[in-house]
């Protein structure tokens, strides 16, 4: 019996990577993941924003950042403004409002293109892993560890797992595509 555990782990890892990557793509809605990894220079060290403040969603286009140390407001505001995300940071009463502008049609198209590129990267990763597993199955058959019938049965099983993983990636991509378009 051939163990596909390694392939299943790689497929799950690939899907998780894909979800993380596309969570950074800005849709029309405010999402804390958009700014939480911004590096803030505070007392000579670079810290991630999520380690310095709470980030909440006020409405569809506004995030509120509440630093745990009010002395960090100015460095956080500067880091957000300098992040090239095209957002506006405004400090007020111990917090910072991050206002996200409406997405233009051109920006939506570029985000959809980027989404497509990330999807293809994930699928390429799965194909590479499939090829590794297939080579391993062929080697085991040559060494006499498995029969030729088993080899082709395992190949079919492997392809079914690849198809399922690709379907899962496609569903995640479609969902994100709808968010970007709306």
N, C-alpha and C. Protein backbone atom coordinates (compact mmCIF):
# COMPACT_ATOMS: atom_id res chain seq x y z
N UNK A 1 0.85 -1.19 0.00
CA UNK A 1 0.00 0.00 0.00
C UNK A 1 0.88 1.24 0.00
N UNK A 2 0.63 2.16 -0.92
CA UNK A 2 1.42 3.39 -1.03
C UNK A 2 0.79 4.47 -0.16
N UNK A 3 1.63 5.22 0.55
CA UNK A 3 1.14 6.30 1.42
C UNK A 3 1.18 7.64 0.68
N UNK A 4 0.04 8.24 0.54
CA UNK A 4 -0.06 9.54 -0.12
C UNK A 4 -0.07 10.67 0.91
N UNK A 5 0.28 10.37 2.14
CA UNK A 5 0.24 11.36 3.22
C UNK A 5 1.10 12.58 2.89
N UNK A 6 2.28 12.36 2.35
CA UNK A 6 3.17 13.45 2.00
C UNK A 6 2.53 14.37 0.95
N UNK A 7 1.88 13.77 -0.04
CA UNK A 7 1.21 14.59 -1.07
C UNK A 7 0.04 15.36 -0.46
N UNK A 8 -0.74 14.71 0.39
CA UNK A 8 -1.88 15.39 1.02
C UNK A 8 -1.42 16.58 1.86
N UNK A 9 -0.30 16.38 2.59
CA UNK A 9 0.24 17.49 3.38
C UNK A 9 0.67 18.64 2.47
N UNK A 10 1.32 18.31 1.37
CA UNK A 10 1.77 19.35 0.43
C UNK A 10 0.58 20.07 -0.20
N UNK A 11 -0.47 19.34 -0.52
CA UNK A 11 -1.66 19.96 -1.09
C UNK A 11 -2.30 20.93 -0.10
N UNK A 12 -2.38 20.53 1.16
CA UNK A 12 -2.95 21.39 2.21
C UNK A 12 -2.07 22.63 2.41
N UNK A 13 -0.77 22.40 2.42
CA UNK A 13 0.19 23.49 2.57
C UNK A 13 0.06 24.49 1.41
N UNK A 14 -0.11 23.98 0.21
CA UNK A 14 -0.26 24.83 -0.97
C UNK A 14 -1.54 25.65 -0.88
N UNK A 15 -2.62 25.01 -0.46
CA UNK A 15 -3.89 25.73 -0.33
C UNK A 15 -3.79 26.82 0.74
N UNK A 16 -3.15 26.51 1.86
CA UNK A 16 -2.97 27.50 2.92
C UNK A 16 -2.14 28.69 2.43
N UNK A 17 -1.06 28.38 1.68
CA UNK A 17 -0.22 29.44 1.13
C UNK A 17 -1.05 30.32 0.19
N UNK A 18 -1.84 29.69 -0.66
CA UNK A 18 -2.66 30.43 -1.61
C UNK A 18 -3.65 31.35 -0.88
N UNK A 19 -4.30 30.83 0.14
CA UNK A 19 -5.25 31.64 0.91
C UNK A 19 -4.55 32.83 1.56
N UNK A 20 -3.35 32.59 2.11
CA UNK A 20 -2.60 33.69 2.73
C UNK A 20 -2.23 34.75 1.69
N UNK A 21 -1.76 34.30 0.54
CA UNK A 21 -1.36 35.23 -0.51
C UNK A 21 -2.52 36.08 -1.00
N UNK A 22 -3.66 35.46 -1.23
CA UNK A 22 -4.77 36.24 -1.78
C UNK A 22 -5.49 37.07 -0.71
N UNK A 23 -5.27 36.74 0.56
CA UNK A 23 -5.89 37.57 1.61
C UNK A 23 -5.29 38.97 1.58
N UNK A 24 -4.08 39.10 1.04
CA UNK A 24 -3.44 40.40 0.95
C UNK A 24 -3.94 41.24 -0.22
N UNK A 25 -4.66 40.60 -1.15
CA UNK A 25 -5.23 41.35 -2.27
C UNK A 25 -6.43 42.15 -1.75
N UNK A 26 -6.37 43.42 -1.95
CA UNK A 26 -7.42 44.29 -1.42
C UNK A 26 -8.66 44.22 -2.29
N UNK A 27 -9.74 43.89 -1.65
CA UNK A 27 -11.03 43.94 -2.33
C UNK A 27 -11.67 45.27 -1.97
N UNK A 28 -12.90 45.45 -2.24
CA UNK A 28 -13.58 46.69 -1.91
C UNK A 28 -13.84 46.85 -0.43
N UNK A 29 -13.59 45.81 0.35
CA UNK A 29 -13.89 45.85 1.78
C UNK A 29 -12.63 45.98 2.62
N UNK A 30 -12.76 46.66 3.74
CA UNK A 30 -11.65 46.79 4.68
C UNK A 30 -11.41 45.44 5.35
N UNK A 31 -10.16 45.06 5.49
CA UNK A 31 -9.80 43.80 6.12
C UNK A 31 -8.50 44.02 6.89
N UNK A 32 -8.44 43.68 8.18
CA UNK A 32 -7.23 43.90 8.96
C UNK A 32 -5.97 43.27 8.36
N UNK A 33 -6.13 42.16 7.64
CA UNK A 33 -4.95 41.50 7.06
C UNK A 33 -4.24 42.39 6.04
N UNK A 34 -4.93 43.41 5.56
CA UNK A 34 -4.33 44.33 4.59
C UNK A 34 -3.15 45.10 5.19
N UNK A 35 -3.25 45.45 6.47
CA UNK A 35 -2.19 46.28 7.07
C UNK A 35 -1.46 45.62 8.23
N UNK A 36 -1.91 44.47 8.70
CA UNK A 36 -1.36 43.91 9.93
C UNK A 36 0.13 43.55 9.85
N UNK A 37 0.66 43.32 8.67
CA UNK A 37 2.07 42.96 8.54
C UNK A 37 2.97 44.13 8.17
N UNK A 38 2.42 45.32 8.17
CA UNK A 38 3.24 46.51 7.89
C UNK A 38 4.28 46.63 9.01
N UNK A 39 5.51 46.91 8.62
CA UNK A 39 6.59 47.06 9.60
C UNK A 39 6.66 48.51 10.06
N UNK A 40 6.67 48.70 11.38
CA UNK A 40 6.70 50.02 11.98
C UNK A 40 8.03 50.20 12.69
N UNK A 41 8.74 51.28 12.36
CA UNK A 41 10.00 51.59 13.02
C UNK A 41 9.67 52.29 14.33
N UNK A 42 9.91 51.59 15.45
CA UNK A 42 9.54 52.11 16.76
C UNK A 42 10.70 51.90 17.71
N UNK A 43 11.27 52.97 18.19
CA UNK A 43 12.45 52.94 19.06
C UNK A 43 13.58 52.11 18.46
N UNK A 44 13.83 52.31 17.17
CA UNK A 44 14.96 51.68 16.51
C UNK A 44 14.78 50.25 16.06
N UNK A 45 13.62 49.66 16.29
CA UNK A 45 13.37 48.30 15.81
C UNK A 45 12.14 48.29 14.93
N UNK A 46 12.15 47.35 13.99
CA UNK A 46 10.99 47.20 13.09
C UNK A 46 10.07 46.14 13.68
N UNK A 47 8.83 46.53 13.93
CA UNK A 47 7.83 45.62 14.49
C UNK A 47 6.64 45.53 13.54
N UNK A 48 6.02 44.35 13.52
CA UNK A 48 4.79 44.23 12.73
C UNK A 48 3.69 44.99 13.45
N UNK A 49 2.84 45.62 12.67
CA UNK A 49 1.75 46.41 13.23
C UNK A 49 0.85 45.58 14.14
N UNK A 50 0.59 44.33 13.74
CA UNK A 50 -0.30 43.49 14.55
C UNK A 50 0.27 43.20 15.94
N UNK A 51 1.57 43.38 16.14
CA UNK A 51 2.18 43.18 17.44
C UNK A 51 2.21 44.44 18.29
N UNK A 52 1.75 45.54 17.71
CA UNK A 52 1.79 46.82 18.41
C UNK A 52 0.42 47.43 18.69
N UNK A 53 -0.61 46.88 18.03
CA UNK A 53 -1.92 47.51 18.11
C UNK A 53 -3.02 46.52 17.77
N UNK A 54 -4.23 46.87 18.17
CA UNK A 54 -5.38 46.10 17.71
C UNK A 54 -5.91 46.76 16.45
N UNK A 55 -6.37 45.93 15.54
CA UNK A 55 -6.88 46.44 14.26
C UNK A 55 -8.30 45.94 14.11
N UNK A 56 -9.23 46.84 13.94
CA UNK A 56 -10.62 46.44 13.78
C UNK A 56 -11.24 47.10 12.56
N UNK A 57 -12.35 46.54 12.11
CA UNK A 57 -13.07 47.07 10.96
C UNK A 57 -14.20 47.95 11.47
N UNK A 58 -14.18 49.20 11.07
CA UNK A 58 -15.26 50.12 11.47
C UNK A 58 -16.43 50.03 10.51
N UNK A 59 -16.12 50.06 9.22
CA UNK A 59 -17.14 49.89 8.18
C UNK A 59 -16.44 49.33 6.95
N UNK A 60 -17.14 49.25 5.84
CA UNK A 60 -16.60 48.58 4.65
C UNK A 60 -15.33 49.23 4.11
N UNK A 61 -15.08 50.49 4.46
CA UNK A 61 -13.90 51.16 3.90
C UNK A 61 -13.02 51.80 4.96
N UNK A 62 -13.21 51.44 6.22
CA UNK A 62 -12.41 52.06 7.28
C UNK A 62 -11.94 51.02 8.29
N UNK A 63 -10.64 51.05 8.56
CA UNK A 63 -10.05 50.25 9.62
C UNK A 63 -9.68 51.19 10.76
N UNK A 64 -9.73 50.70 11.99
CA UNK A 64 -9.32 51.49 13.14
C UNK A 64 -8.17 50.76 13.82
N UNK A 65 -7.05 51.46 13.97
CA UNK A 65 -5.86 50.90 14.61
C UNK A 65 -5.73 51.58 15.97
N UNK A 66 -5.72 50.76 17.03
CA UNK A 66 -5.58 51.28 18.39
C UNK A 66 -4.27 50.76 18.99
N UNK A 67 -3.23 51.60 18.98
CA UNK A 67 -1.94 51.16 19.53
C UNK A 67 -2.03 50.94 21.04
N UNK A 68 -1.27 49.96 21.50
CA UNK A 68 -1.25 49.70 22.94
C UNK A 68 -0.44 50.76 23.67
N UNK A 69 0.48 51.39 22.96
CA UNK A 69 1.28 52.48 23.50
C UNK A 69 0.96 53.71 22.65
N UNK A 70 0.38 54.73 23.27
CA UNK A 70 -0.04 55.90 22.50
C UNK A 70 1.14 56.65 21.89
N UNK A 71 2.35 56.44 22.40
CA UNK A 71 3.53 57.06 21.80
C UNK A 71 3.81 56.50 20.40
N UNK A 72 3.21 55.37 20.08
CA UNK A 72 3.45 54.72 18.79
C UNK A 72 2.53 55.25 17.69
N UNK A 73 1.62 56.14 18.01
CA UNK A 73 0.66 56.61 17.01
C UNK A 73 1.35 57.23 15.80
N UNK A 74 2.29 58.14 16.03
CA UNK A 74 2.94 58.82 14.92
C UNK A 74 3.76 57.84 14.05
N UNK A 75 4.59 56.97 14.64
CA UNK A 75 5.32 56.01 13.79
C UNK A 75 4.40 55.07 13.02
N UNK A 76 3.29 54.66 13.63
CA UNK A 76 2.34 53.77 12.94
C UNK A 76 1.69 54.50 11.78
N UNK A 77 1.28 55.74 12.02
CA UNK A 77 0.65 56.53 10.96
C UNK A 77 1.62 56.72 9.79
N UNK A 78 2.89 56.99 10.08
CA UNK A 78 3.89 57.16 9.04
C UNK A 78 4.11 55.86 8.27
N UNK A 79 4.17 54.73 8.98
CA UNK A 79 4.40 53.44 8.34
C UNK A 79 3.24 53.08 7.41
N UNK A 80 2.02 53.34 7.86
CA UNK A 80 0.84 53.04 7.03
C UNK A 80 0.83 53.93 5.79
N UNK A 81 1.09 55.22 5.99
CA UNK A 81 1.09 56.16 4.87
C UNK A 81 2.19 55.82 3.86
N UNK A 82 3.32 55.33 4.34
CA UNK A 82 4.44 55.02 3.47
C UNK A 82 4.43 53.60 2.93
N UNK A 83 3.34 52.89 3.10
CA UNK A 83 3.29 51.46 2.74
C UNK A 83 2.93 51.19 1.28
N UNK A 84 2.68 52.21 0.49
CA UNK A 84 2.30 52.06 -0.93
C UNK A 84 1.02 51.26 -1.13
N UNK A 85 0.14 51.29 -0.17
CA UNK A 85 -1.14 50.59 -0.31
C UNK A 85 -2.22 51.52 -0.87
N UNK A 86 -1.91 52.78 -0.96
CA UNK A 86 -2.89 53.73 -1.48
C UNK A 86 -3.99 54.03 -0.49
N UNK A 87 -3.67 53.95 0.81
CA UNK A 87 -4.66 54.23 1.84
C UNK A 87 -4.28 55.51 2.56
N UNK A 88 -5.26 56.09 3.22
CA UNK A 88 -5.04 57.33 3.95
C UNK A 88 -5.14 57.03 5.44
N UNK A 89 -4.12 57.43 6.22
CA UNK A 89 -4.11 57.21 7.67
C UNK A 89 -4.29 58.55 8.38
N UNK A 90 -5.27 58.60 9.30
CA UNK A 90 -5.56 59.83 10.03
C UNK A 90 -5.59 59.49 11.52
N UNK A 91 -4.77 60.19 12.31
CA UNK A 91 -4.77 59.92 13.75
C UNK A 91 -5.78 60.81 14.46
N UNK A 92 -6.42 60.22 15.47
CA UNK A 92 -7.40 60.96 16.26
C UNK A 92 -7.66 60.25 17.58
N UNK A 93 -7.57 60.96 18.68
CA UNK A 93 -7.91 60.46 20.02
C UNK A 93 -7.39 59.05 20.33
N UNK A 94 -6.10 58.85 20.25
CA UNK A 94 -5.52 57.58 20.64
C UNK A 94 -5.71 56.45 19.65
N UNK A 95 -6.16 56.78 18.45
CA UNK A 95 -6.37 55.74 17.43
C UNK A 95 -6.02 56.32 16.06
N UNK A 96 -5.93 55.43 15.11
CA UNK A 96 -5.65 55.84 13.73
C UNK A 96 -6.73 55.24 12.84
N UNK A 97 -7.36 56.09 12.06
CA UNK A 97 -8.33 55.62 11.07
C UNK A 97 -7.61 55.43 9.75
N UNK A 98 -7.82 54.27 9.16
CA UNK A 98 -7.22 53.97 7.87
C UNK A 98 -8.37 53.89 6.87
N UNK A 99 -8.40 54.85 5.94
CA UNK A 99 -9.50 54.94 4.99
C UNK A 99 -9.05 54.38 3.65
N UNK A 100 -9.80 53.40 3.16
CA UNK A 100 -9.48 52.76 1.89
C UNK A 100 -10.33 53.39 0.80
N UNK A 101 -9.69 53.89 -0.25
CA UNK A 101 -10.47 54.48 -1.34
C UNK A 101 -11.18 53.41 -2.16
N UNK A 102 -12.16 53.84 -2.93
CA UNK A 102 -12.85 52.92 -3.84
C UNK A 102 -11.86 52.38 -4.85
N UNK A 103 -12.04 51.13 -5.25
CA UNK A 103 -11.18 50.54 -6.27
C UNK A 103 -11.61 50.99 -7.66
N UNK A 104 -10.64 51.38 -8.46
CA UNK A 104 -10.96 51.75 -9.84
C UNK A 104 -11.09 50.47 -10.66
N UNK A 105 -11.70 50.59 -11.83
CA UNK A 105 -11.87 49.42 -12.71
C UNK A 105 -10.51 48.88 -13.14
N UNK A 106 -9.57 49.78 -13.38
CA UNK A 106 -8.22 49.36 -13.78
C UNK A 106 -7.55 48.56 -12.66
N UNK A 107 -7.71 49.04 -11.42
CA UNK A 107 -7.11 48.34 -10.27
C UNK A 107 -7.77 46.97 -10.08
N UNK A 108 -9.06 46.89 -10.27
CA UNK A 108 -9.76 45.60 -10.15
C UNK A 108 -9.21 44.60 -11.17
N UNK A 109 -8.99 45.07 -12.40
CA UNK A 109 -8.45 44.18 -13.44
C UNK A 109 -7.06 43.70 -13.08
N UNK A 110 -6.23 44.59 -12.54
CA UNK A 110 -4.87 44.17 -12.17
C UNK A 110 -4.90 43.20 -10.99
N UNK A 111 -5.85 43.39 -10.07
CA UNK A 111 -5.99 42.45 -8.95
C UNK A 111 -6.45 41.08 -9.43
N UNK A 112 -7.37 41.06 -10.40
CA UNK A 112 -7.83 39.78 -10.95
C UNK A 112 -6.69 39.07 -11.68
N UNK A 113 -5.86 39.83 -12.36
CA UNK A 113 -4.70 39.24 -13.05
C UNK A 113 -3.73 38.66 -12.02
N UNK A 114 -3.49 39.39 -10.95
CA UNK A 114 -2.60 38.92 -9.89
C UNK A 114 -3.18 37.66 -9.23
N UNK A 115 -4.48 37.64 -9.02
CA UNK A 115 -5.15 36.46 -8.47
C UNK A 115 -4.93 35.25 -9.37
N UNK A 116 -5.06 35.46 -10.65
CA UNK A 116 -4.85 34.39 -11.62
C UNK A 116 -3.41 33.87 -11.58
N UNK A 117 -2.45 34.79 -11.44
CA UNK A 117 -1.05 34.40 -11.36
C UNK A 117 -0.77 33.57 -10.11
N UNK A 118 -1.34 33.98 -8.98
CA UNK A 118 -1.15 33.24 -7.72
C UNK A 118 -1.78 31.85 -7.82
N UNK A 119 -2.93 31.76 -8.46
CA UNK A 119 -3.59 30.47 -8.65
C UNK A 119 -2.70 29.55 -9.48
N UNK A 120 -2.13 30.09 -10.55
CA UNK A 120 -1.26 29.27 -11.40
C UNK A 120 -0.01 28.82 -10.65
N UNK A 121 0.54 29.69 -9.80
CA UNK A 121 1.69 29.31 -8.98
C UNK A 121 1.35 28.12 -8.09
N UNK A 122 0.18 28.18 -7.47
CA UNK A 122 -0.25 27.09 -6.59
C UNK A 122 -0.43 25.80 -7.37
N UNK A 123 -1.03 25.89 -8.55
CA UNK A 123 -1.25 24.69 -9.36
C UNK A 123 0.08 24.10 -9.86
N UNK A 124 1.02 24.94 -10.19
CA UNK A 124 2.34 24.46 -10.61
C UNK A 124 3.01 23.71 -9.46
N UNK A 125 2.89 24.24 -8.27
CA UNK A 125 3.45 23.57 -7.09
C UNK A 125 2.85 22.17 -6.92
N UNK A 126 1.53 22.07 -7.11
CA UNK A 126 0.87 20.76 -7.02
C UNK A 126 1.36 19.81 -8.11
N UNK A 127 1.52 20.33 -9.32
CA UNK A 127 1.99 19.47 -10.42
C UNK A 127 3.40 18.94 -10.15
N UNK A 128 4.25 19.80 -9.59
CA UNK A 128 5.61 19.36 -9.27
C UNK A 128 5.58 18.25 -8.23
N UNK A 129 4.75 18.41 -7.23
CA UNK A 129 4.65 17.38 -6.19
C UNK A 129 4.07 16.10 -6.78
N UNK A 130 3.10 16.23 -7.68
CA UNK A 130 2.53 15.05 -8.33
C UNK A 130 3.61 14.28 -9.08
N UNK A 131 4.46 15.01 -9.80
CA UNK A 131 5.54 14.36 -10.55
C UNK A 131 6.51 13.64 -9.62
N UNK A 132 6.82 14.23 -8.46
CA UNK A 132 7.70 13.57 -7.49
C UNK A 132 7.09 12.26 -7.01
N UNK A 133 5.82 12.31 -6.66
CA UNK A 133 5.14 11.12 -6.16
C UNK A 133 5.06 10.06 -7.26
N UNK A 134 4.76 10.47 -8.49
CA UNK A 134 4.66 9.52 -9.59
C UNK A 134 6.01 8.83 -9.85
N UNK A 135 7.10 9.62 -9.80
CA UNK A 135 8.44 9.03 -9.94
C UNK A 135 8.71 8.01 -8.84
N UNK A 136 8.31 8.34 -7.63
CA UNK A 136 8.50 7.44 -6.50
C UNK A 136 7.71 6.14 -6.70
N UNK A 137 6.48 6.26 -7.19
CA UNK A 137 5.66 5.06 -7.45
C UNK A 137 6.32 4.21 -8.53
N UNK A 138 6.81 4.85 -9.59
CA UNK A 138 7.48 4.10 -10.67
C UNK A 138 8.74 3.39 -10.15
N UNK A 139 9.49 4.07 -9.30
CA UNK A 139 10.69 3.46 -8.72
C UNK A 139 10.33 2.24 -7.88
N UNK A 140 9.29 2.37 -7.10
CA UNK A 140 8.86 1.23 -6.26
C UNK A 140 8.43 0.04 -7.12
N UNK A 141 7.82 0.33 -8.26
CA UNK A 141 7.41 -0.76 -9.16
C UNK A 141 8.65 -1.43 -9.77
N UNK A 142 9.63 -0.64 -10.16
CA UNK A 142 10.86 -1.19 -10.73
C UNK A 142 11.62 -2.05 -9.72
N UNK A 143 11.56 -1.63 -8.45
CA UNK A 143 12.25 -2.36 -7.39
C UNK A 143 11.46 -3.59 -6.94
N UNK A 144 10.26 -3.76 -7.46
CA UNK A 144 9.45 -4.91 -7.13
C UNK A 144 8.63 -4.78 -5.84
N UNK A 145 8.58 -3.57 -5.29
CA UNK A 145 7.82 -3.36 -4.05
C UNK A 145 6.32 -3.33 -4.31
N UNK A 146 5.93 -2.90 -5.51
CA UNK A 146 4.51 -2.90 -5.87
C UNK A 146 4.36 -3.48 -7.27
N UNK A 147 3.18 -3.96 -7.57
CA UNK A 147 2.94 -4.56 -8.89
C UNK A 147 2.60 -3.47 -9.92
N UNK A 148 2.59 -3.88 -11.19
CA UNK A 148 2.26 -2.92 -12.25
C UNK A 148 0.81 -2.46 -12.13
N UNK A 149 -0.08 -3.39 -11.77
CA UNK A 149 -1.49 -3.01 -11.58
C UNK A 149 -1.63 -1.98 -10.47
N UNK A 150 -0.89 -2.20 -9.36
CA UNK A 150 -0.93 -1.25 -8.26
C UNK A 150 -0.40 0.12 -8.69
N UNK A 151 0.65 0.10 -9.50
CA UNK A 151 1.25 1.34 -9.98
C UNK A 151 0.20 2.19 -10.70
N UNK A 152 -0.57 1.58 -11.59
CA UNK A 152 -1.57 2.34 -12.34
C UNK A 152 -2.78 2.72 -11.47
N UNK A 153 -3.09 1.88 -10.49
CA UNK A 153 -4.17 2.23 -9.56
C UNK A 153 -3.74 3.44 -8.72
N UNK A 154 -2.48 3.42 -8.26
CA UNK A 154 -1.97 4.55 -7.48
C UNK A 154 -1.90 5.83 -8.33
N UNK A 155 -1.58 5.66 -9.60
CA UNK A 155 -1.55 6.82 -10.50
C UNK A 155 -2.93 7.45 -10.59
N UNK A 156 -3.97 6.60 -10.73
CA UNK A 156 -5.35 7.11 -10.78
C UNK A 156 -5.73 7.78 -9.46
N UNK A 157 -5.33 7.16 -8.33
CA UNK A 157 -5.62 7.75 -7.02
C UNK A 157 -4.94 9.11 -6.88
N UNK A 158 -3.70 9.17 -7.32
CA UNK A 158 -2.94 10.42 -7.25
C UNK A 158 -3.61 11.51 -8.09
N UNK A 159 -4.03 11.16 -9.29
CA UNK A 159 -4.67 12.14 -10.16
C UNK A 159 -5.97 12.65 -9.56
N UNK A 160 -6.71 11.76 -8.91
CA UNK A 160 -7.96 12.18 -8.25
C UNK A 160 -7.66 13.19 -7.14
N UNK A 161 -6.58 12.94 -6.37
CA UNK A 161 -6.20 13.87 -5.31
C UNK A 161 -5.78 15.22 -5.89
N UNK A 162 -5.05 15.19 -6.99
CA UNK A 162 -4.63 16.43 -7.66
C UNK A 162 -5.86 17.20 -8.15
N UNK A 163 -6.78 16.50 -8.78
CA UNK A 163 -8.00 17.14 -9.27
C UNK A 163 -8.80 17.77 -8.13
N UNK A 164 -8.92 17.05 -7.01
CA UNK A 164 -9.64 17.58 -5.84
C UNK A 164 -8.95 18.84 -5.30
N UNK A 165 -7.61 18.80 -5.21
CA UNK A 165 -6.86 19.96 -4.72
C UNK A 165 -7.03 21.14 -5.67
N UNK A 166 -6.98 20.89 -6.98
CA UNK A 166 -7.17 21.97 -7.96
C UNK A 166 -8.58 22.55 -7.88
N UNK A 167 -9.57 21.69 -7.69
CA UNK A 167 -10.96 22.17 -7.54
C UNK A 167 -11.08 23.07 -6.32
N UNK A 168 -10.44 22.67 -5.24
CA UNK A 168 -10.48 23.46 -4.02
C UNK A 168 -9.82 24.83 -4.25
N UNK A 169 -8.68 24.84 -4.92
CA UNK A 169 -8.02 26.11 -5.24
C UNK A 169 -8.89 26.98 -6.14
N UNK A 170 -9.55 26.36 -7.12
CA UNK A 170 -10.43 27.11 -8.03
C UNK A 170 -11.58 27.76 -7.27
N UNK A 171 -12.16 27.03 -6.31
CA UNK A 171 -13.28 27.58 -5.54
C UNK A 171 -12.84 28.78 -4.72
N UNK A 172 -11.67 28.68 -4.07
CA UNK A 172 -11.14 29.80 -3.29
C UNK A 172 -10.89 30.99 -4.21
N UNK A 173 -10.32 30.73 -5.38
CA UNK A 173 -10.04 31.79 -6.35
C UNK A 173 -11.32 32.45 -6.85
N UNK A 174 -12.33 31.65 -7.16
CA UNK A 174 -13.61 32.20 -7.64
C UNK A 174 -14.24 33.11 -6.59
N UNK A 175 -14.19 32.67 -5.34
CA UNK A 175 -14.77 33.46 -4.25
C UNK A 175 -14.06 34.81 -4.13
N UNK A 176 -12.74 34.78 -4.20
CA UNK A 176 -11.96 36.02 -4.10
C UNK A 176 -12.21 36.89 -5.33
N UNK A 177 -12.35 36.27 -6.50
CA UNK A 177 -12.64 37.02 -7.72
C UNK A 177 -13.95 37.77 -7.63
N UNK A 178 -14.95 37.15 -7.04
CA UNK A 178 -16.26 37.81 -6.85
C UNK A 178 -16.10 39.00 -5.90
N UNK A 179 -15.30 38.82 -4.82
CA UNK A 179 -15.08 39.93 -3.88
C UNK A 179 -14.41 41.11 -4.58
N UNK A 180 -13.45 40.81 -5.44
CA UNK A 180 -12.72 41.89 -6.13
C UNK A 180 -13.65 42.61 -7.12
N UNK A 181 -14.49 41.86 -7.81
CA UNK A 181 -15.37 42.47 -8.81
C UNK A 181 -16.46 43.34 -8.18
N UNK A 182 -16.87 43.02 -6.96
CA UNK A 182 -17.98 43.76 -6.34
C UNK A 182 -17.53 44.96 -5.58
